Amino acid sequence: MKDILLEFMIIISPRNTADKIIENIKDVATFPSVLHGRGTAPNDIYSALGIGEPEKDVVICFAKMEDVEDIYQRVDAMFTNKSNKAIAMTIPVSAVGGNLTLQVLLGNTKDMV
């Protein structure tokens, strides 16, 4: 079996944008979940960094390494407004609990009973 490199992806975006992100990446990402975050830095820090409001959506999901660059480009294209930005990052998944778990994380569940 060909080695499949799996990535855990985290996308932090302005509040109320998570649904749009998930809709945009659902064909290449699996198990998307949304968390609501709030930064703790003073407002002047947010202004200086150009981050905007402290309330954020945090989308977490899994993706094949070969699809990560495509996801980055899709997310980047969604946030072209200077005051409305997102940040995305990945963490390599080095091991999972067996082939069944890997197939589920990859979204290969069509033939499973």
PDB file of N, CA and C in Angstrom:
ATOM      1  N   MET A   1       0.833  -1.181   0.000  1.00  0.00           N
ATOM      2  CA  MET A   1       0.000   0.000   0.000  1.00  0.00           C
ATOM      3  C   MET A   1       0.881   1.250   0.000  1.00  0.00           C
ATOM      4  N   LYS A   2       0.524   2.205  -0.843  1.00  0.00           N
ATOM      5  CA  LYS A   2       1.260   3.457  -0.936  1.00  0.00           C
ATOM      6  C   LYS A   2       1.136   4.227   0.384  1.00  0.00           C
ATOM      7  N   ASP A   3       2.245   4.802   0.836  1.00  0.00           N
ATOM      8  CA  ASP A   3       2.202   5.602   2.058  1.00  0.00           C
ATOM      9  C   ASP A   3       1.318   6.829   1.839  1.00  0.00           C
ATOM     10  N   ILE A   4       0.401   7.031   2.746  1.00  0.00           N
ATOM     11  CA  ILE A   4      -0.474   8.195   2.707  1.00  0.00           C
ATOM     12  C   ILE A   4      -0.061   9.096   3.859  1.00  0.00           C
ATOM     13  N   LEU A   5       0.291  10.320   3.540  1.00  0.00           N
ATOM     14  CA  LEU A   5       0.708  11.272   4.560  1.00  0.00           C
ATOM     15  C   LEU A   5      -0.503  12.110   4.953  1.00  0.00           C
ATOM     16  N   LEU A   6      -0.876  12.018   6.213  1.00  0.00           N
ATOM     17  CA  LEU A   6      -2.055  12.678   6.727  1.00  0.00           C
ATOM     18  C   LEU A   6      -1.654  13.896   7.547  1.00  0.00           C
ATOM     19  N   GLU A   7      -2.409  14.965   7.410  1.00  0.00           N
ATOM     20  CA  GLU A   7      -2.145  16.207   8.135  1.00  0.00           C
ATOM     21  C   GLU A   7      -3.373  16.597   8.951  1.00  0.00           C
ATOM     22  N   PHE A   8      -3.141  17.114  10.146  1.00  0.00           N
ATOM     23  CA  PHE A   8      -4.182  17.704  10.968  1.00  0.00           C
ATOM     24  C   PHE A   8      -4.126  19.197  10.693  1.00  0.00           C
ATOM     25  N   MET A   9      -5.229  19.778  10.241  1.00  0.00           N
ATOM     26  CA  MET A   9      -5.231  21.167   9.812  1.00  0.00           C
ATOM     27  C   MET A   9      -6.023  22.029  10.793  1.00  0.00           C
ATOM     28  N   ILE A  10      -5.501  23.217  11.042  1.00  0.00           N
ATOM     29  CA  ILE A  10      -6.152  24.210  11.892  1.00  0.00           C
ATOM     30  C   ILE A  10      -6.259  25.499  11.089  1.00  0.00           C
ATOM     31  N   ILE A  11      -7.484  26.018  10.981  1.00  0.00           N
ATOM     32  CA  ILE A  11      -7.719  27.265  10.253  1.00  0.00           C
ATOM     33  C   ILE A  11      -8.400  28.232  11.226  1.00  0.00           C
ATOM     34  N   ILE A  12      -7.769  29.358  11.475  1.00  0.00           N
ATOM     35  CA  ILE A  12      -8.328  30.369  12.368  1.00  0.00           C
ATOM     36  C   ILE A  12      -8.792  31.528  11.499  1.00  0.00           C
ATOM     37  N   SER A  13     -10.068  31.862  11.629  1.00  0.00           N
ATOM     38  CA  SER A  13     -10.664  32.867  10.752  1.00  0.00           C
ATOM     39  C   SER A  13     -11.597  33.773  11.542  1.00  0.00           C
ATOM     40  N   PRO A  14     -12.038  34.876  10.922  1.00  0.00           N
ATOM     41  CA  PRO A  14     -12.984  35.755  11.618  1.00  0.00           C
ATOM     42  C   PRO A  14     -14.265  34.997  11.993  1.00  0.00           C
ATOM     43  N   ARG A  15     -14.915  35.427  13.058  1.00  0.00           N
ATOM     44  CA  ARG A  15     -16.148  34.796  13.529  1.00  0.00           C
ATOM     45  C   ARG A  15     -17.190  34.766  12.405  1.00  0.00           C
ATOM     46  N   ASN A  16     -17.941  33.698  12.349  1.00  0.00           N
ATOM     47  CA  ASN A  16     -19.029  33.478  11.393  1.00  0.00           C
ATOM     48  C   ASN A  16     -18.546  33.210   9.966  1.00  0.00           C
ATOM     49  N   THR A  17     -17.323  32.717   9.823  1.00  0.00           N
ATOM     50  CA  THR A  17     -16.833  32.342   8.489  1.00  0.00           C
ATOM     51  C   THR A  17     -16.577  30.839   8.367  1.00  0.00           C
ATOM     52  N   ALA A  18     -16.717  30.094   9.452  1.00  0.00           N
ATOM     53  CA  ALA A  18     -16.380  28.669   9.445  1.00  0.00           C
ATOM     54  C   ALA A  18     -17.233  27.869   8.465  1.00  0.00           C
ATOM     55  N   ASP A  19     -18.530  28.135   8.416  1.00  0.00           N
ATOM     56  CA  ASP A  19     -19.397  27.373   7.512  1.00  0.00           C
ATOM     57  C   ASP A  19     -18.980  27.553   6.055  1.00  0.00           C
ATOM     58  N   LYS A  20     -18.622  28.761   5.700  1.00  0.00           N
ATOM     59  CA  LYS A  20     -18.174  29.035   4.328  1.00  0.00           C
ATOM     60  C   LYS A  20     -16.855  28.298   4.031  1.00  0.00           C
ATOM     61  N   ILE A  21     -15.943  28.277   4.984  1.00  0.00           N
ATOM     62  CA  ILE A  21     -14.675  27.564   4.808  1.00  0.00           C
ATOM     63  C   ILE A  21     -14.936  26.077   4.616  1.00  0.00           C
ATOM     64  N   ILE A  22     -15.758  25.499   5.483  1.00  0.00           N
ATOM     65  CA  ILE A  22     -16.038  24.061   5.392  1.00  0.00           C
ATOM     66  C   ILE A  22     -16.682  23.720   4.056  1.00  0.00           C
ATOM     67  N   GLU A  23     -17.616  24.538   3.615  1.00  0.00           N
ATOM     68  CA  GLU A  23     -18.259  24.307   2.312  1.00  0.00           C
ATOM     69  C   GLU A  23     -17.217  24.329   1.191  1.00  0.00           C
ATOM     70  N   ASN A  24     -16.238  25.208   1.326  1.00  0.00           N
ATOM     71  CA  ASN A  24     -15.214  25.377   0.295  1.00  0.00           C
ATOM     72  C   ASN A  24     -14.180  24.247   0.265  1.00  0.00           C
ATOM     73  N   ILE A  25     -13.955  23.560   1.389  1.00  0.00           N
ATOM     74  CA  ILE A  25     -12.900  22.530   1.438  1.00  0.00           C
ATOM     75  C   ILE A  25     -13.434  21.120   1.657  1.00  0.00           C
ATOM     76  N   LYS A  26     -14.744  20.956   1.720  1.00  0.00           N
ATOM     77  CA  LYS A  26     -15.314  19.663   2.111  1.00  0.00           C
ATOM     78  C   LYS A  26     -14.957  18.510   1.174  1.00  0.00           C
ATOM     79  N   ASP A  27     -14.592  18.799  -0.062  1.00  0.00           N
ATOM     80  CA  ASP A  27     -14.236  17.722  -0.992  1.00  0.00           C
ATOM     81  C   ASP A  27     -12.811  17.215  -0.793  1.00  0.00           C
ATOM     82  N   VAL A  28     -11.986  17.946  -0.032  1.00  0.00           N
ATOM     83  CA  VAL A  28     -10.591  17.524   0.191  1.00  0.00           C
ATOM     84  C   VAL A  28     -10.203  17.416   1.657  1.00  0.00           C
ATOM     85  N   ALA A  29     -11.130  17.720   2.553  1.00  0.00           N
ATOM     86  CA  ALA A  29     -10.850  17.642   3.985  1.00  0.00           C
ATOM     87  C   ALA A  29     -11.907  16.772   4.652  1.00  0.00           C
ATOM     88  N   THR A  30     -11.502  16.061   5.716  1.00  0.00           N
ATOM     89  CA  THR A  30     -12.447  15.202   6.419  1.00  0.00           C
ATOM     90  C   THR A  30     -12.576  15.626   7.877  1.00  0.00           C
ATOM     91  N   PHE A  31     -13.689  15.254   8.470  1.00  0.00           N
ATOM     92  CA  PHE A  31     -13.996  15.525   9.868  1.00  0.00           C
ATOM     93  C   PHE A  31     -13.842  16.988  10.270  1.00  0.00           C
ATOM     94  N   PRO A  32     -14.420  17.907   9.488  1.00  0.00           N
ATOM     95  CA  PRO A  32     -14.320  19.309   9.906  1.00  0.00           C
ATOM     96  C   PRO A  32     -15.136  19.564  11.165  1.00  0.00           C
ATOM     97  N   SER A  33     -14.562  20.296  12.066  1.00  0.00           N
ATOM     98  CA  SER A  33     -15.231  20.701  13.300  1.00  0.00           C
ATOM     99  C   SER A  33     -14.950  22.173  13.532  1.00  0.00           C
ATOM    100  N   VAL A  34     -15.870  22.841  14.211  1.00  0.00           N
ATOM    101  CA  VAL A  34     -15.725  24.271  14.461  1.00  0.00           C
ATOM    102  C   VAL A  34     -15.657  24.526  15.962  1.00  0.00           C
ATOM    103  N   LEU A  35     -14.680  25.301  16.343  1.00  0.00           N
ATOM    104  CA  LEU A  35     -14.534  25.776  17.711  1.00  0.00           C
ATOM    105  C   LEU A  35     -14.620  27.299  17.663  1.00  0.00           C
ATOM    106  N   HIS A  36     -15.090  27.896  18.727  1.00  0.00           N
ATOM    107  CA  HIS A  36     -15.117  29.353  18.795  1.00  0.00           C
ATOM    108  C   HIS A  36     -14.008  29.804  19.735  1.00  0.00           C
ATOM    109  N   GLY A  37     -13.190  30.719  19.242  1.00  0.00           N
ATOM    110  CA  GLY A  37     -12.070  31.199  20.025  1.00  0.00           C
ATOM    111  C   GLY A  37     -12.178  32.685  20.312  1.00  0.00           C
ATOM    112  N   ARG A  38     -11.477  33.087  21.324  1.00  0.00           N
ATOM    113  CA  ARG A  38     -11.398  34.506  21.664  1.00  0.00           C
ATOM    114  C   ARG A  38      -9.984  34.781  22.139  1.00  0.00           C
ATOM    115  N   GLY A  39      -9.351  35.725  21.464  1.00  0.00           N
ATOM    116  CA  GLY A  39      -8.006  36.110  21.844  1.00  0.00           C
ATOM    117  C   GLY A  39      -7.994  36.834  23.168  1.00  0.00           C
ATOM    118  N   THR A  40      -6.857  36.836  23.814  1.00  0.00           N
ATOM    119  CA  THR A  40      -6.752  37.474  25.134  1.00  0.00           C
ATOM    120  C   THR A  40      -5.829  38.688  25.134  1.00  0.00           C
ATOM    121  N   ALA A  41      -5.265  39.025  24.001  1.00  0.00           N
ATOM    122  CA  ALA A  41      -4.368  40.190  23.947  1.00  0.00           C
ATOM    123  C   ALA A  41      -5.186  41.482  24.005  1.00  0.00           C
ATOM    124  N   PRO A  42      -4.583  42.575  24.462  1.00  0.00           N
ATOM    125  CA  PRO A  42      -5.276  43.871  24.463  1.00  0.00           C
ATOM    126  C   PRO A  42      -5.619  44.294  23.028  1.00  0.00           C
ATOM    127  N   ASN A  43      -6.688  45.085  22.882  1.00  0.00           N
ATOM    128  CA  ASN A  43      -7.144  45.510  21.554  1.00  0.00           C
ATOM    129  C   ASN A  43      -6.073  46.230  20.751  1.00  0.00           C
ATOM    130  N   ASP A  44      -5.187  46.990  21.414  1.00  0.00           N
ATOM    131  CA  ASP A  44      -4.151  47.702  20.664  1.00  0.00           C
ATOM    132  C   ASP A  44      -3.173  46.729  20.001  1.00  0.00           C
ATOM    133  N   ILE A  45      -2.986  45.551  20.577  1.00  0.00           N
ATOM    134  CA  ILE A  45      -2.135  44.528  19.957  1.00  0.00           C
ATOM    135  C   ILE A  45      -2.802  44.015  18.688  1.00  0.00           C
ATOM    136  N   TYR A  46      -4.119  43.758  18.760  1.00  0.00           N
ATOM    137  CA  TYR A  46      -4.851  43.308  17.571  1.00  0.00           C
ATOM    138  C   TYR A  46      -4.766  44.338  16.454  1.00  0.00           C
ATOM    139  N   SER A  47      -4.905  45.597  16.814  1.00  0.00           N
ATOM    140  CA  SER A  47      -4.826  46.671  15.818  1.00  0.00           C
ATOM    141  C   SER A  47      -3.438  46.741  15.204  1.00  0.00           C
ATOM    142  N   ALA A  48      -2.406  46.657  16.047  1.00  0.00           N
ATOM    143  CA  ALA A  48      -1.029  46.740  15.552  1.00  0.00           C
ATOM    144  C   ALA A  48      -0.693  45.589  14.605  1.00  0.00           C
ATOM    145  N   LEU A  49      -1.231  44.406  14.901  1.00  0.00           N
ATOM    146  CA  LEU A  49      -0.961  43.237  14.053  1.00  0.00           C
ATOM    147  C   LEU A  49      -1.922  43.141  12.871  1.00  0.00           C
ATOM    148  N   GLY A  50      -2.940  43.978  12.843  1.00  0.00           N
ATOM    149  CA  GLY A  50      -3.909  43.933  11.754  1.00  0.00           C
ATOM    150  C   GLY A  50      -4.802  42.712  11.803  1.00  0.00           C
ATOM    151  N   ILE A  51      -5.022  42.176  12.992  1.00  0.00           N
ATOM    152  CA  ILE A  51      -5.809  40.947  13.139  1.00  0.00           C
ATOM    153  C   ILE A  51      -7.300  41.234  13.184  1.00  0.00           C
ATOM    154  N   GLY A  52      -7.707  42.407  13.623  1.00  0.00           N
ATOM    155  CA  GLY A  52      -9.124  42.720  13.724  1.00  0.00           C
ATOM    156  C   GLY A  52      -9.685  42.322  15.069  1.00  0.00           C
ATOM    157  N   GLU A  53     -10.909  41.856  15.072  1.00  0.00           N
ATOM    158  CA  GLU A  53     -11.610  41.499  16.302  1.00  0.00           C
ATOM    159  C   GLU A  53     -11.029  40.235  16.931  1.00  0.00           C
ATOM    160  N   PRO A  54     -11.093  40.118  18.256  1.00  0.00           N
ATOM    161  CA  PRO A  54     -10.523  38.946  18.927  1.00  0.00           C
ATOM    162  C   PRO A  54     -11.372  37.680  18.789  1.00  0.00           C
ATOM    163  N   GLU A  55     -12.669  37.799  18.457  1.00  0.00           N
ATOM    164  CA  GLU A  55     -13.513  36.617  18.314  1.00  0.00           C
ATOM    165  C   GLU A  55     -13.196  35.920  16.993  1.00  0.00           C
ATOM    166  N   LYS A  56     -12.910  34.622  17.078  1.00  0.00           N
ATOM    167  CA  LYS A  56     -12.504  33.856  15.897  1.00  0.00           C
ATOM    168  C   LYS A  56     -13.252  32.541  15.818  1.00  0.00           C
ATOM    169  N   ASP A  57     -13.346  32.005  14.612  1.00  0.00           N
ATOM    170  CA  ASP A  57     -13.754  30.622  14.387  1.00  0.00           C
ATOM    171  C   ASP A  57     -12.479  29.817  14.189  1.00  0.00           C
ATOM    172  N   VAL A  58     -12.447  28.625  14.725  1.00  0.00           N
ATOM    173  CA  VAL A  58     -11.311  27.730  14.545  1.00  0.00           C
ATOM    174  C   VAL A  58     -11.855  26.456  13.893  1.00  0.00           C
ATOM    175  N   VAL A  59     -11.454  26.224  12.645  1.00  0.00           N
ATOM    176  CA  VAL A  59     -11.870  25.021  11.931  1.00  0.00           C
ATOM    177  C   VAL A  59     -10.734  24.012  12.046  1.00  0.00           C
ATOM    178  N   ILE A  60     -11.053  22.816  12.512  1.00  0.00           N
ATOM    179  CA  ILE A  60     -10.060  21.745  12.544  1.00  0.00           C
ATOM    180  C   ILE A  60     -10.556  20.626  11.649  1.00  0.00           C
ATOM    181  N   CYS A  61      -9.628  19.968  10.967  1.00  0.00           N
ATOM    182  CA  CYS A  61      -9.986  18.880  10.061  1.00  0.00           C
ATOM    183  C   CYS A  61      -8.732  18.071   9.731  1.00  0.00           C
ATOM    184  N   PHE A  62      -8.917  17.021   8.955  1.00  0.00           N
ATOM    185  CA  PHE A  62      -7.809  16.210   8.463  1.00  0.00           C
ATOM    186  C   PHE A  62      -7.756  16.326   6.951  1.00  0.00           C
ATOM    187  N   ALA A  63      -6.566  16.221   6.383  1.00  0.00           N
ATOM    188  CA  ALA A  63      -6.399  16.257   4.930  1.00  0.00           C
ATOM    189  C   ALA A  63      -5.158  15.468   4.540  1.00  0.00           C
ATOM    190  N   LYS A  64      -5.188  14.946   3.332  1.00  0.00           N
ATOM    191  CA  LYS A  64      -3.988  14.308   2.796  1.00  0.00           C
ATOM    192  C   LYS A  64      -2.966  15.403   2.519  1.00  0.00           C
ATOM    193  N   MET A  65      -1.700  15.081   2.730  1.00  0.00           N
ATOM    194  CA  MET A  65      -0.645  16.071   2.504  1.00  0.00           C
ATOM    195  C   MET A  65      -0.717  16.632   1.082  1.00  0.00           C
ATOM    196  N   GLU A  66      -1.056  15.804   0.133  1.00  0.00           N
ATOM    197  CA  GLU A  66      -1.112  16.253  -1.263  1.00  0.00           C
ATOM    198  C   GLU A  66      -2.216  17.291  -1.507  1.00  0.00           C
ATOM    199  N   ASP A  67      -3.191  17.406  -0.600  1.00  0.00           N
ATOM    200  CA  ASP A  67      -4.286  18.360  -0.750  1.00  0.00           C
ATOM    201  C   ASP A  67      -4.089  19.636   0.063  1.00  0.00           C
ATOM    202  N   VAL A  68      -3.089  19.687   0.904  1.00  0.00           N
ATOM    203  CA  VAL A  68      -2.904  20.820   1.816  1.00  0.00           C
ATOM    204  C   VAL A  68      -2.687  22.132   1.066  1.00  0.00           C
ATOM    205  N   GLU A  69      -1.834  22.150   0.077  1.00  0.00           N
ATOM    206  CA  GLU A  69      -1.568  23.388  -0.668  1.00  0.00           C
ATOM    207  C   GLU A  69      -2.844  23.906  -1.333  1.00  0.00           C
ATOM    208  N   ASP A  70      -3.656  23.005  -1.866  1.00  0.00           N
ATOM    209  CA  ASP A  70      -4.926  23.390  -2.473  1.00  0.00           C
ATOM    210  C   ASP A  70      -5.843  24.033  -1.431  1.00  0.00           C
ATOM    211  N   ILE A  71      -5.900  23.459  -0.241  1.00  0.00           N
ATOM    212  CA  ILE A  71      -6.726  24.022   0.831  1.00  0.00           C
ATOM    213  C   ILE A  71      -6.216  25.404   1.219  1.00  0.00           C
ATOM    214  N   TYR A  72      -4.897  25.548   1.359  1.00  0.00           N
ATOM    215  CA  TYR A  72      -4.333  26.867   1.671  1.00  0.00           C
ATOM    216  C   TYR A  72      -4.763  27.901   0.632  1.00  0.00           C
ATOM    217  N   GLN A  73      -4.693  27.538  -0.640  1.00  0.00           N
ATOM    218  CA  GLN A  73      -5.053  28.477  -1.706  1.00  0.00           C
ATOM    219  C   GLN A  73      -6.535  28.833  -1.671  1.00  0.00           C
ATOM    220  N   ARG A  74      -7.374  27.846  -1.386  1.00  0.00           N
ATOM    221  CA  ARG A  74      -8.814  28.109  -1.300  1.00  0.00           C
ATOM    222  C   ARG A  74      -9.131  29.056  -0.150  1.00  0.00           C
ATOM    223  N   VAL A  75      -8.516  28.825   0.996  1.00  0.00           N
ATOM    224  CA  VAL A  75      -8.757  29.688   2.152  1.00  0.00           C
ATOM    225  C   VAL A  75      -8.220  31.086   1.874  1.00  0.00           C
ATOM    226  N   ASP A  76      -7.039  31.174   1.292  1.00  0.00           N
ATOM    227  CA  ASP A  76      -6.450  32.475   0.973  1.00  0.00           C
ATOM    228  C   ASP A  76      -7.353  33.261   0.027  1.00  0.00           C
ATOM    229  N   ALA A  77      -7.925  32.596  -0.958  1.00  0.00           N
ATOM    230  CA  ALA A  77      -8.800  33.265  -1.930  1.00  0.00           C
ATOM    231  C   ALA A  77     -10.075  33.798  -1.280  1.00  0.00           C
ATOM    232  N   MET A  78     -10.487  33.193  -0.178  1.00  0.00           N
ATOM    233  CA  MET A  78     -11.698  33.637   0.512  1.00  0.00           C
ATOM    234  C   MET A  78     -11.486  34.927   1.297  1.00  0.00           C
ATOM    235  N   PHE A  79     -10.247  35.222   1.651  1.00  0.00           N
ATOM    236  CA  PHE A  79      -9.960  36.350   2.527  1.00  0.00           C
ATOM    237  C   PHE A  79      -9.032  37.342   1.837  1.00  0.00           C
ATOM    238  N   THR A  80      -9.564  38.024   0.848  1.00  0.00           N
ATOM    239  CA  THR A  80      -8.764  38.998   0.105  1.00  0.00           C
ATOM    240  C   THR A  80      -8.850  40.397   0.705  1.00  0.00           C
ATOM    241  N   ASN A  81      -9.843  40.639   1.558  1.00  0.00           N
ATOM    242  CA  ASN A  81     -10.002  41.922   2.215  1.00  0.00           C
ATOM    243  C   ASN A  81      -8.922  42.073   3.288  1.00  0.00           C
ATOM    244  N   LYS A  82      -8.221  43.189   3.275  1.00  0.00           N
ATOM    245  CA  LYS A  82      -7.103  43.396   4.203  1.00  0.00           C
ATOM    246  C   LYS A  82      -7.519  43.284   5.670  1.00  0.00           C
ATOM    247  N   SER A  83      -8.739  43.698   6.002  1.00  0.00           N
ATOM    248  CA  SER A  83      -9.161  43.659   7.395  1.00  0.00           C
ATOM    249  C   SER A  83      -9.829  42.334   7.772  1.00  0.00           C
ATOM    250  N   ASN A  84      -9.944  41.438   6.855  1.00  0.00           N
ATOM    251  CA  ASN A  84     -10.626  40.162   7.095  1.00  0.00           C
ATOM    252  C   ASN A  84      -9.680  39.040   6.680  1.00  0.00           C
ATOM    253  N   LYS A  85      -8.880  38.529   7.632  1.00  0.00           N
ATOM    254  CA  LYS A  85      -7.831  37.565   7.314  1.00  0.00           C
ATOM    255  C   LYS A  85      -8.043  36.253   8.044  1.00  0.00           C
ATOM    256  N   ALA A  86      -7.370  35.231   7.557  1.00  0.00           N
ATOM    257  CA  ALA A  86      -7.377  33.929   8.214  1.00  0.00           C
ATOM    258  C   ALA A  86      -5.949  33.411   8.242  1.00  0.00           C
ATOM    259  N   ILE A  87      -5.709  32.454   9.110  1.00  0.00           N
ATOM    260  CA  ILE A  87      -4.409  31.797   9.171  1.00  0.00           C
ATOM    261  C   ILE A  87      -4.670  30.294   9.195  1.00  0.00           C
ATOM    262  N   ALA A  88      -3.843  29.556   8.468  1.00  0.00           N
ATOM    263  CA  ALA A  88      -4.001  28.097   8.412  1.00  0.00           C
ATOM    264  C   ALA A  88      -2.645  27.451   8.651  1.00  0.00           C
ATOM    265  N   MET A  89      -2.690  26.308   9.320  1.00  0.00           N
ATOM    266  CA  MET A  89      -1.454  25.569   9.590  1.00  0.00           C
ATOM    267  C   MET A  89      -1.774  24.081   9.654  1.00  0.00           C
ATOM    268  N   THR A  90      -0.762  23.259   9.514  1.00  0.00           N
ATOM    269  CA  THR A  90      -0.957  21.816   9.613  1.00  0.00           C
ATOM    270  C   THR A  90       0.049  21.211  10.575  1.00  0.00           C
ATOM    271  N   ILE A  91      -0.344  20.077  11.109  1.00  0.00           N
ATOM    272  CA  ILE A  91       0.526  19.274  11.964  1.00  0.00           C
ATOM    273  C   ILE A  91       0.524  17.871  11.373  1.00  0.00           C
ATOM    274  N   PRO A  92       1.689  17.303  11.068  1.00  0.00           N
ATOM    275  CA  PRO A  92       1.699  15.959  10.499  1.00  0.00           C
ATOM    276  C   PRO A  92       1.179  14.925  11.498  1.00  0.00           C
ATOM    277  N   VAL A  93       0.390  14.004  10.996  1.00  0.00           N
ATOM    278  CA  VAL A  93      -0.099  12.896  11.818  1.00  0.00           C
ATOM    279  C   VAL A  93       0.847  11.734  11.564  1.00  0.00           C
ATOM    280  N   SER A  94       1.603  11.355  12.574  1.00  0.00           N
ATOM    281  CA  SER A  94       2.627  10.323  12.372  1.00  0.00           C
ATOM    282  C   SER A  94       2.112   8.917  12.630  1.00  0.00           C
ATOM    283  N   ALA A  95       1.003   8.782  13.342  1.00  0.00           N
ATOM    284  CA  ALA A  95       0.476   7.442  13.609  1.00  0.00           C
ATOM    285  C   ALA A  95      -0.999   7.547  13.976  1.00  0.00           C
ATOM    286  N   VAL A  96      -1.743   6.519  13.604  1.00  0.00           N
ATOM    287  CA  VAL A  96      -3.141   6.395  14.005  1.00  0.00           C
ATOM    288  C   VAL A  96      -3.359   4.969  14.478  1.00  0.00           C
ATOM    289  N   GLY A  97      -4.495   4.721  15.108  1.00  0.00           N
ATOM    290  CA  GLY A  97      -4.764   3.416  15.702  1.00  0.00           C
ATOM    291  C   GLY A  97      -5.211   2.360  14.715  1.00  0.00           C
ATOM    292  N   GLY A  98      -4.435   2.082  13.699  1.00  0.00           N
ATOM    293  CA  GLY A  98      -4.739   0.999  12.774  1.00  0.00           C
ATOM    294  C   GLY A  98      -5.274   1.480  11.437  1.00  0.00           C
ATOM    295  N   ASN A  99      -5.361   0.547  10.491  1.00  0.00           N
ATOM    296  CA  ASN A  99      -5.779   0.870   9.131  1.00  0.00           C
ATOM    297  C   ASN A  99      -7.224   1.367   9.089  1.00  0.00           C
ATOM    298  N   LEU A 100      -8.115   0.791   9.884  1.00  0.00           N
ATOM    299  CA  LEU A 100      -9.508   1.222   9.898  1.00  0.00           C
ATOM    300  C   LEU A 100      -9.607   2.694  10.304  1.00  0.00           C
ATOM    301  N   THR A 101      -8.886   3.079  11.334  1.00  0.00           N
ATOM    302  CA  THR A 101      -8.889   4.475  11.769  1.00  0.00           C
ATOM    303  C   THR A 101      -8.356   5.380  10.676  1.00  0.00           C
ATOM    304  N   LEU A 102      -7.284   4.973  10.024  1.00  0.00           N
ATOM    305  CA  LEU A 102      -6.725   5.758   8.926  1.00  0.00           C
ATOM    306  C   LEU A 102      -7.749   5.941   7.816  1.00  0.00           C
ATOM    307  N   GLN A 103      -8.426   4.878   7.434  1.00  0.00           N
ATOM    308  CA  GLN A 103      -9.413   4.967   6.361  1.00  0.00           C
ATOM    309  C   GLN A 103     -10.557   5.905   6.739  1.00  0.00           C
ATOM    310  N   VAL A 104     -10.989   5.855   7.999  1.00  0.00           N
ATOM    311  CA  VAL A 104     -12.048   6.754   8.456  1.00  0.00           C
ATOM    312  C   VAL A 104     -11.574   8.207   8.397  1.00  0.00           C
ATOM    313  N   LEU A 105     -10.359   8.489   8.879  1.00  0.00           N
ATOM    314  CA  LEU A 105      -9.833   9.855   8.856  1.00  0.00           C
ATOM    315  C   LEU A 105      -9.644  10.369   7.439  1.00  0.00           C
ATOM    316  N   LEU A 106      -9.378   9.464   6.509  1.00  0.00           N
ATOM    317  CA  LEU A 106      -9.229   9.850   5.106  1.00  0.00           C
ATOM    318  C   LEU A 106     -10.570   9.995   4.391  1.00  0.00           C
ATOM    319  N   GLY A 107     -11.655   9.601   5.069  1.00  0.00           N
ATOM    320  CA  GLY A 107     -12.970   9.696   4.468  1.00  0.00           C
ATOM    321  C   GLY A 107     -13.332   8.536   3.575  1.00  0.00           C
ATOM    322  N   ASN A 108     -12.586   7.433   3.681  1.00  0.00           N
ATOM    323  CA  ASN A 108     -12.836   6.262   2.850  1.00  0.00           C
ATOM    324  C   ASN A 108     -13.808   5.310   3.549  1.00  0.00           C
ATOM    325  N   THR A 109     -15.032   5.738   3.768  1.00  0.00           N
ATOM    326  CA  THR A 109     -15.992   4.937   4.513  1.00  0.00           C
ATOM    327  C   THR A 109     -17.135   4.409   3.654  1.00  0.00           C
ATOM    328  N   LYS A 110     -17.117   4.650   2.372  1.00  0.00           N
ATOM    329  CA  LYS A 110     -18.219   4.238   1.487  1.00  0.00           C
ATOM    330  C   LYS A 110     -18.433   2.737   1.454  1.00  0.00           C
ATOM    331  N   ASP A 111     -17.354   1.957   1.474  1.00  0.00           N
ATOM    332  CA  ASP A 111     -17.455   0.513   1.365  1.00  0.00           C
ATOM    333  C   ASP A 111     -17.458  -0.188   2.719  1.00  0.00           C
ATOM    334  N   MET A 112     -17.425   0.576   3.813  1.00  0.00           N
ATOM    335  CA  MET A 112     -17.406  -0.035   5.141  1.00  0.00           C
ATOM    336  C   MET A 112     -18.832  -0.342   5.604  1.00  0.00           C
ATOM    337  N   VAL A 113     -18.949  -1.394   6.361  1.00  0.00           N
ATOM    338  CA  VAL A 113     -20.268  -1.783   6.872  1.00  0.00           C
ATOM    339  C   VAL A 113     -20.472  -1.196   8.240  1.00  0.00           C
TER     340      VAL A 113
END
